Amino acid sequence: MPHPQMYDDDDPQLGRLRAIALAFPEAVEKMAFGRPTFRAGKIFAYYGQGQTGHPRPESIQILPDEAERPALLADPRFYIPSYIGPYGWLGLDLSMGEPDWQEIAELIDSSYRRIAPARLIALLEAAGSPAGVTRSNNHPRDGR
């Protein structure tokens, strides 16, 4: 029996996430365990994965670079999600203030680059990241 859908398709936060995530090369959305996931072969972003006893329906889960984890976890908006947290995933609770969608796009870019095969990374580099991030400096293209 399939898992029941645990999100609202009209959720504006999910809509923003979809617009970013589906702009990456060959990205698709697929429901898993009642929640949306975004994949390019493997999953690079989840929506709505919380913690045991602490649901976080308005949240995004990404697979950050290992070097970024300590800084992200120092921010109270970030948490280790149940089930996927032990595999390096972090959650960002969108209900804790106004989401910074440029920051979210950059986090999704980093997560995508961690799972995507070289062929998709080459497409991403050729087309330009939806987050405006380049591989060489991992900062927005505005030169920062």
N, C-alpha and C. Protein backbone atom coordinates (compact mmCIF):
# COMPACT_ATOMS: atom_id res chain seq x y z
N MET A 1 0.84 -1.18 0.00
CA MET A 1 0.00 0.00 0.00
C MET A 1 0.89 1.25 0.00
N PRO A 2 0.63 2.20 -0.90
CA PRO A 2 1.46 3.41 -0.95
C PRO A 2 1.25 4.28 0.28
N HIS A 3 2.29 5.04 0.59
CA HIS A 3 2.26 5.95 1.72
C HIS A 3 1.35 7.13 1.37
N PRO A 4 0.54 7.62 2.31
CA PRO A 4 -0.32 8.78 2.00
C PRO A 4 0.51 10.05 1.79
N GLN A 5 0.01 10.92 0.94
CA GLN A 5 0.67 12.19 0.69
C GLN A 5 0.62 13.03 1.96
N MET A 6 1.77 13.55 2.38
CA MET A 6 1.88 14.30 3.63
C MET A 6 2.25 15.77 3.39
N TYR A 7 1.80 16.31 2.27
CA TYR A 7 2.08 17.71 1.94
C TYR A 7 0.95 18.23 1.06
N ASP A 8 0.89 19.55 0.96
CA ASP A 8 -0.11 20.22 0.13
C ASP A 8 0.59 20.70 -1.14
N ASP A 9 0.10 20.28 -2.29
CA ASP A 9 0.70 20.70 -3.55
C ASP A 9 0.70 22.21 -3.74
N ASP A 10 -0.21 22.91 -3.06
CA ASP A 10 -0.30 24.36 -3.18
C ASP A 10 0.56 25.11 -2.17
N ASP A 11 1.36 24.40 -1.39
CA ASP A 11 2.24 25.01 -0.39
C ASP A 11 3.21 25.97 -1.11
N PRO A 12 3.19 27.27 -0.78
CA PRO A 12 4.06 28.22 -1.48
C PRO A 12 5.55 27.94 -1.28
N GLN A 13 5.93 27.42 -0.11
CA GLN A 13 7.34 27.09 0.13
C GLN A 13 7.77 25.96 -0.81
N LEU A 14 6.92 24.95 -0.94
CA LEU A 14 7.20 23.85 -1.85
C LEU A 14 7.28 24.35 -3.28
N GLY A 15 6.42 25.28 -3.63
CA GLY A 15 6.46 25.86 -4.97
C GLY A 15 7.79 26.53 -5.26
N ARG A 16 8.32 27.27 -4.30
CA ARG A 16 9.63 27.92 -4.47
C ARG A 16 10.73 26.87 -4.60
N LEU A 17 10.67 25.84 -3.75
CA LEU A 17 11.66 24.77 -3.82
C LEU A 17 11.60 24.08 -5.18
N ARG A 18 10.42 23.78 -5.65
CA ARG A 18 10.27 23.14 -6.96
C ARG A 18 10.91 23.98 -8.06
N ALA A 19 10.65 25.27 -8.04
CA ALA A 19 11.19 26.15 -9.08
C ALA A 19 12.72 26.10 -9.12
N ILE A 20 13.34 26.03 -7.97
CA ILE A 20 14.80 25.96 -7.90
C ILE A 20 15.29 24.57 -8.28
N ALA A 21 14.79 23.56 -7.58
CA ALA A 21 15.31 22.20 -7.74
C ALA A 21 15.11 21.66 -9.15
N LEU A 22 13.96 21.92 -9.73
CA LEU A 22 13.68 21.36 -11.06
C LEU A 22 14.41 22.10 -12.18
N ALA A 23 15.10 23.19 -11.85
CA ALA A 23 15.89 23.92 -12.84
C ALA A 23 17.27 23.28 -13.04
N PHE A 24 17.65 22.32 -12.20
CA PHE A 24 18.93 21.64 -12.35
C PHE A 24 18.82 20.58 -13.45
N PRO A 25 19.92 20.31 -14.15
CA PRO A 25 19.87 19.35 -15.25
C PRO A 25 19.29 17.99 -14.84
N GLU A 26 18.30 17.56 -15.62
CA GLU A 26 17.65 16.25 -15.49
C GLU A 26 17.02 16.01 -14.11
N ALA A 27 16.71 17.08 -13.40
CA ALA A 27 16.05 16.94 -12.09
C ALA A 27 14.59 16.57 -12.27
N VAL A 28 14.12 15.69 -11.41
CA VAL A 28 12.72 15.29 -11.40
C VAL A 28 12.23 15.26 -9.96
N GLU A 29 10.93 15.36 -9.80
CA GLU A 29 10.31 15.24 -8.49
C GLU A 29 9.63 13.89 -8.39
N LYS A 30 9.79 13.26 -7.25
CA LYS A 30 9.16 11.97 -7.02
C LYS A 30 8.80 11.89 -5.54
N MET A 31 7.59 11.38 -5.25
CA MET A 31 7.17 11.24 -3.86
C MET A 31 7.79 9.98 -3.27
N ALA A 32 8.28 10.13 -2.04
CA ALA A 32 8.81 8.98 -1.30
C ALA A 32 8.37 9.13 0.15
N PHE A 33 7.79 8.09 0.70
CA PHE A 33 7.29 8.10 2.08
C PHE A 33 6.36 9.28 2.34
N GLY A 34 5.59 9.66 1.33
CA GLY A 34 4.59 10.70 1.46
C GLY A 34 5.11 12.11 1.30
N ARG A 35 6.40 12.25 0.99
CA ARG A 35 7.00 13.59 0.87
C ARG A 35 7.66 13.76 -0.50
N PRO A 36 7.74 15.00 -0.99
CA PRO A 36 8.42 15.25 -2.26
C PRO A 36 9.94 15.09 -2.12
N THR A 37 10.54 14.46 -3.11
CA THR A 37 11.99 14.40 -3.21
C THR A 37 12.37 14.91 -4.59
N PHE A 38 13.57 15.44 -4.68
CA PHE A 38 14.08 15.94 -5.96
C PHE A 38 15.34 15.17 -6.27
N ARG A 39 15.39 14.63 -7.50
CA ARG A 39 16.42 13.67 -7.87
C ARG A 39 17.04 13.99 -9.22
N ALA A 40 18.28 13.59 -9.33
CA ALA A 40 18.98 13.56 -10.61
C ALA A 40 19.70 12.21 -10.60
N GLY A 41 18.92 11.16 -10.70
CA GLY A 41 19.40 9.81 -10.45
C GLY A 41 19.23 9.50 -8.97
N LYS A 42 19.98 10.16 -8.12
CA LYS A 42 19.87 10.04 -6.67
C LYS A 42 19.17 11.29 -6.13
N ILE A 43 18.71 11.21 -4.90
CA ILE A 43 18.03 12.35 -4.26
C ILE A 43 19.04 13.42 -3.88
N PHE A 44 18.70 14.68 -4.22
CA PHE A 44 19.53 15.80 -3.80
C PHE A 44 18.78 16.78 -2.90
N ALA A 45 17.47 16.64 -2.76
CA ALA A 45 16.71 17.48 -1.83
C ALA A 45 15.40 16.79 -1.46
N TYR A 46 15.00 17.01 -0.23
CA TYR A 46 13.72 16.52 0.30
C TYR A 46 12.93 17.74 0.75
N TYR A 47 11.63 17.57 0.90
CA TYR A 47 10.80 18.61 1.50
C TYR A 47 9.98 17.99 2.63
N GLY A 48 10.06 18.60 3.80
CA GLY A 48 9.18 18.25 4.90
C GLY A 48 9.63 17.13 5.82
N GLN A 49 10.87 16.72 5.75
CA GLN A 49 11.37 15.65 6.63
C GLN A 49 11.75 16.27 7.98
N GLY A 50 11.10 15.84 9.03
CA GLY A 50 11.38 16.39 10.36
C GLY A 50 12.21 15.47 11.21
N GLN A 51 11.91 15.51 12.49
CA GLN A 51 12.59 14.68 13.46
C GLN A 51 11.54 13.89 14.22
N THR A 52 11.93 12.74 14.73
CA THR A 52 11.00 11.94 15.51
C THR A 52 10.43 12.79 16.64
N GLY A 53 9.12 12.89 16.70
CA GLY A 53 8.46 13.69 17.72
C GLY A 53 8.45 15.18 17.45
N HIS A 54 9.07 15.62 16.38
CA HIS A 54 9.12 17.05 16.03
C HIS A 54 8.97 17.20 14.51
N PRO A 55 7.74 17.10 14.03
CA PRO A 55 7.54 17.25 12.58
C PRO A 55 7.93 18.66 12.13
N ARG A 56 8.45 18.76 10.97
CA ARG A 56 8.82 20.05 10.39
C ARG A 56 8.30 20.07 8.95
N PRO A 57 6.99 20.28 8.82
CA PRO A 57 6.39 20.20 7.48
C PRO A 57 6.90 21.26 6.52
N GLU A 58 7.34 22.41 7.05
CA GLU A 58 7.90 23.47 6.20
C GLU A 58 9.41 23.45 6.36
N SER A 59 10.05 22.49 5.72
CA SER A 59 11.50 22.37 5.82
C SER A 59 12.06 21.76 4.54
N ILE A 60 13.34 22.00 4.34
CA ILE A 60 14.07 21.46 3.20
C ILE A 60 15.25 20.69 3.75
N GLN A 61 15.54 19.54 3.14
CA GLN A 61 16.68 18.75 3.55
C GLN A 61 17.66 18.69 2.38
N ILE A 62 18.92 18.94 2.71
CA ILE A 62 19.98 18.96 1.70
C ILE A 62 21.17 18.15 2.21
N LEU A 63 22.06 17.81 1.31
CA LEU A 63 23.28 17.08 1.62
C LEU A 63 24.45 18.05 1.42
N PRO A 64 24.83 18.79 2.48
CA PRO A 64 25.86 19.82 2.31
C PRO A 64 27.26 19.21 2.23
N ASP A 65 28.20 20.03 1.78
CA ASP A 65 29.60 19.63 1.85
C ASP A 65 29.93 19.40 3.31
N GLU A 66 30.74 18.40 3.56
CA GLU A 66 31.11 18.05 4.93
C GLU A 66 31.73 19.24 5.67
N ALA A 67 32.50 20.06 4.97
CA ALA A 67 33.16 21.21 5.59
C ALA A 67 32.15 22.28 6.04
N GLU A 68 30.97 22.30 5.43
CA GLU A 68 29.96 23.30 5.75
C GLU A 68 29.10 22.91 6.97
N ARG A 69 29.05 21.62 7.29
CA ARG A 69 28.15 21.12 8.34
C ARG A 69 28.28 21.85 9.67
N PRO A 70 29.49 22.03 10.23
CA PRO A 70 29.56 22.68 11.55
C PRO A 70 28.96 24.09 11.54
N ALA A 71 29.25 24.87 10.51
CA ALA A 71 28.71 26.23 10.46
C ALA A 71 27.19 26.21 10.31
N LEU A 72 26.69 25.31 9.49
CA LEU A 72 25.24 25.23 9.33
C LEU A 72 24.57 24.80 10.63
N LEU A 73 25.13 23.82 11.31
CA LEU A 73 24.53 23.34 12.57
C LEU A 73 24.62 24.37 13.69
N ALA A 74 25.51 25.34 13.57
CA ALA A 74 25.59 26.42 14.56
C ALA A 74 24.42 27.40 14.41
N ASP A 75 23.75 27.35 13.26
CA ASP A 75 22.59 28.20 12.97
C ASP A 75 21.35 27.46 13.49
N PRO A 76 20.53 28.09 14.34
CA PRO A 76 19.38 27.38 14.92
C PRO A 76 18.31 26.94 13.92
N ARG A 77 18.36 27.44 12.70
CA ARG A 77 17.40 27.02 11.68
C ARG A 77 17.69 25.61 11.16
N PHE A 78 18.92 25.15 11.35
CA PHE A 78 19.33 23.86 10.82
C PHE A 78 19.24 22.78 11.89
N TYR A 79 18.97 21.56 11.46
CA TYR A 79 18.83 20.43 12.37
C TYR A 79 19.20 19.15 11.65
N ILE A 80 19.39 18.10 12.43
CA ILE A 80 19.68 16.79 11.86
C ILE A 80 18.35 16.03 11.76
N PRO A 81 17.89 15.76 10.54
CA PRO A 81 16.60 15.08 10.37
C PRO A 81 16.69 13.59 10.73
N SER A 82 15.58 13.07 11.21
CA SER A 82 15.50 11.64 11.50
C SER A 82 15.72 10.85 10.22
N TYR A 83 16.19 9.64 10.37
CA TYR A 83 16.38 8.66 9.30
C TYR A 83 17.52 9.02 8.35
N ILE A 84 17.52 10.21 7.77
CA ILE A 84 18.54 10.56 6.78
C ILE A 84 19.70 11.34 7.37
N GLY A 85 19.54 11.90 8.55
CA GLY A 85 20.60 12.68 9.19
C GLY A 85 21.92 11.93 9.36
N PRO A 86 21.87 10.66 9.79
CA PRO A 86 23.13 9.92 9.94
C PRO A 86 23.92 9.75 8.65
N TYR A 87 23.30 10.01 7.52
CA TYR A 87 23.97 9.88 6.22
C TYR A 87 24.48 11.22 5.71
N GLY A 88 24.50 12.23 6.57
CA GLY A 88 25.06 13.53 6.21
C GLY A 88 24.04 14.61 5.88
N TRP A 89 22.76 14.27 5.86
CA TRP A 89 21.73 15.24 5.51
C TRP A 89 21.46 16.21 6.65
N LEU A 90 21.14 17.45 6.28
CA LEU A 90 20.70 18.47 7.24
C LEU A 90 19.36 19.03 6.79
N GLY A 91 18.57 19.45 7.76
CA GLY A 91 17.31 20.10 7.46
C GLY A 91 17.40 21.59 7.75
N LEU A 92 16.65 22.35 7.01
CA LEU A 92 16.51 23.80 7.21
C LEU A 92 15.04 24.07 7.45
N ASP A 93 14.72 24.52 8.66
CA ASP A 93 13.34 24.81 9.04
C ASP A 93 12.95 26.17 8.47
N LEU A 94 12.03 26.17 7.52
CA LEU A 94 11.61 27.40 6.84
C LEU A 94 10.65 28.24 7.67
N SER A 95 10.15 27.68 8.77
CA SER A 95 9.20 28.42 9.60
C SER A 95 9.91 29.34 10.59
N MET A 96 11.23 29.30 10.62
CA MET A 96 12.00 30.13 11.56
C MET A 96 12.48 31.40 10.88
N GLY A 97 11.57 32.28 10.55
CA GLY A 97 11.90 33.52 9.88
C GLY A 97 11.69 33.43 8.38
N GLU A 98 11.87 34.55 7.71
CA GLU A 98 11.69 34.62 6.26
C GLU A 98 12.81 33.85 5.57
N PRO A 99 12.48 32.84 4.74
CA PRO A 99 13.53 32.08 4.06
C PRO A 99 14.35 32.95 3.11
N ASP A 100 15.65 32.71 3.09
CA ASP A 100 16.56 33.36 2.15
C ASP A 100 16.69 32.41 0.96
N TRP A 101 15.94 32.68 -0.10
CA TRP A 101 15.88 31.75 -1.22
C TRP A 101 17.17 31.68 -2.02
N GLN A 102 17.99 32.73 -1.97
CA GLN A 102 19.31 32.64 -2.61
C GLN A 102 20.18 31.65 -1.82
N GLU A 103 20.16 31.75 -0.50
CA GLU A 103 20.90 30.79 0.33
C GLU A 103 20.41 29.37 0.07
N ILE A 104 19.10 29.19 -0.02
CA ILE A 104 18.53 27.87 -0.26
C ILE A 104 18.97 27.35 -1.63
N ALA A 105 18.97 28.20 -2.63
CA ALA A 105 19.42 27.79 -3.97
C ALA A 105 20.88 27.34 -3.93
N GLU A 106 21.71 28.03 -3.18
CA GLU A 106 23.12 27.65 -3.07
C GLU A 106 23.28 26.33 -2.33
N LEU A 107 22.47 26.11 -1.30
CA LEU A 107 22.51 24.83 -0.57
C LEU A 107 22.06 23.68 -1.47
N ILE A 108 21.04 23.93 -2.28
CA ILE A 108 20.56 22.91 -3.20
C ILE A 108 21.62 22.63 -4.26
N ASP A 109 22.29 23.68 -4.74
CA ASP A 109 23.37 23.51 -5.70
C ASP A 109 24.46 22.60 -5.12
N SER A 110 24.86 22.86 -3.90
CA SER A 110 25.88 22.05 -3.24
C SER A 110 25.43 20.60 -3.11
N SER A 111 24.19 20.39 -2.73
CA SER A 111 23.65 19.05 -2.57
C SER A 111 23.59 18.33 -3.92
N TYR A 112 23.15 19.03 -4.95
CA TYR A 112 23.09 18.45 -6.30
C TYR A 112 24.48 18.00 -6.74
N ARG A 113 25.47 18.85 -6.53
CA ARG A 113 26.83 18.53 -6.94
C ARG A 113 27.39 17.31 -6.20
N ARG A 114 26.89 17.06 -4.99
CA ARG A 114 27.36 15.90 -4.22
C ARG A 114 26.85 14.59 -4.80
N ILE A 115 25.70 14.61 -5.46
CA ILE A 115 25.11 13.34 -5.93
C ILE A 115 25.16 13.17 -7.44
N ALA A 116 25.27 14.25 -8.18
CA ALA A 116 25.16 14.18 -9.64
C ALA A 116 26.41 13.55 -10.27
N PRO A 117 26.21 12.74 -11.30
CA PRO A 117 27.36 12.20 -12.02
C PRO A 117 28.07 13.31 -12.81
N ALA A 118 29.30 13.02 -13.22
CA ALA A 118 30.13 14.01 -13.93
C ALA A 118 29.42 14.57 -15.16
N ARG A 119 28.66 13.74 -15.86
CA ARG A 119 27.94 14.20 -17.06
C ARG A 119 26.97 15.33 -16.72
N LEU A 120 26.24 15.20 -15.60
CA LEU A 120 25.29 16.25 -15.20
C LEU A 120 26.00 17.48 -14.66
N ILE A 121 27.11 17.28 -13.98
CA ILE A 121 27.89 18.43 -13.50
C ILE A 121 28.40 19.23 -14.71
N ALA A 122 28.84 18.54 -15.75
CA ALA A 122 29.29 19.23 -16.97
C ALA A 122 28.15 20.03 -17.59
N LEU A 123 26.94 19.46 -17.62
CA LEU A 123 25.78 20.21 -18.12
C LEU A 123 25.50 21.42 -17.25
N LEU A 124 25.60 21.24 -15.94
CA LEU A 124 25.36 22.34 -15.00
C LEU A 124 26.37 23.46 -15.23
N GLU A 125 27.63 23.09 -15.38
CA GLU A 125 28.67 24.10 -15.60
C GLU A 125 28.47 24.81 -16.94
N ALA A 126 28.08 24.08 -17.95
CA ALA A 126 27.88 24.68 -19.28
C ALA A 126 26.70 25.65 -19.29
N ALA A 127 25.62 25.26 -18.63
CA ALA A 127 24.40 26.08 -18.64
C ALA A 127 24.42 27.15 -17.56
N GLY A 128 25.19 26.94 -16.52
CA GLY A 128 25.18 27.85 -15.36
C GLY A 128 24.19 27.33 -14.34
N SER A 129 24.59 27.40 -13.11
CA SER A 129 23.75 26.91 -12.02
C SER A 129 22.53 27.80 -11.82
N PRO A 130 21.37 27.20 -11.52
CA PRO A 130 20.21 28.01 -11.16
C PRO A 130 20.48 28.90 -9.94
N ALA A 131 21.47 28.53 -9.14
CA ALA A 131 21.82 29.33 -7.97
C ALA A 131 22.84 30.41 -8.29
N GLY A 132 23.37 30.42 -9.51
CA GLY A 132 24.40 31.39 -9.86
C GLY A 132 25.72 31.06 -9.21
N VAL A 133 25.98 29.79 -8.94
CA VAL A 133 27.20 29.35 -8.29
C VAL A 133 28.11 28.72 -9.32
N THR A 134 29.40 29.02 -9.23
CA THR A 134 30.37 28.36 -10.08
C THR A 134 31.10 27.32 -9.26
N ARG A 135 31.56 26.28 -9.90
CA ARG A 135 32.26 25.20 -9.19
C ARG A 135 33.60 25.67 -8.64
N SER A 136 34.26 26.54 -9.34
CA SER A 136 35.61 26.92 -8.95
C SER A 136 35.67 27.69 -7.63
N ASN A 137 34.69 28.55 -7.38
CA ASN A 137 34.77 29.33 -6.14
C ASN A 137 33.59 29.12 -5.21
N ASN A 138 32.53 28.44 -5.68
CA ASN A 138 31.35 28.13 -4.88
C ASN A 138 30.71 29.36 -4.24
N HIS A 139 30.82 30.49 -4.92
CA HIS A 139 30.17 31.73 -4.48
C HIS A 139 29.34 32.27 -5.62
N PRO A 140 28.37 33.13 -5.31
CA PRO A 140 27.58 33.72 -6.39
C PRO A 140 28.48 34.39 -7.42
N ARG A 141 28.01 34.45 -8.62
CA ARG A 141 28.82 35.00 -9.72
C ARG A 141 29.05 36.50 -9.62
N ASP A 142 28.58 37.12 -8.58
CA ASP A 142 28.78 38.56 -8.46
C ASP A 142 30.18 38.89 -7.95
N GLY A 143 31.03 37.87 -7.79
CA GLY A 143 32.43 38.13 -7.45
C GLY A 143 32.76 38.06 -5.99
N ARG A 144 31.78 37.83 -5.12
CA ARG A 144 32.07 37.77 -3.69
C ARG A 144 32.95 36.58 -3.38
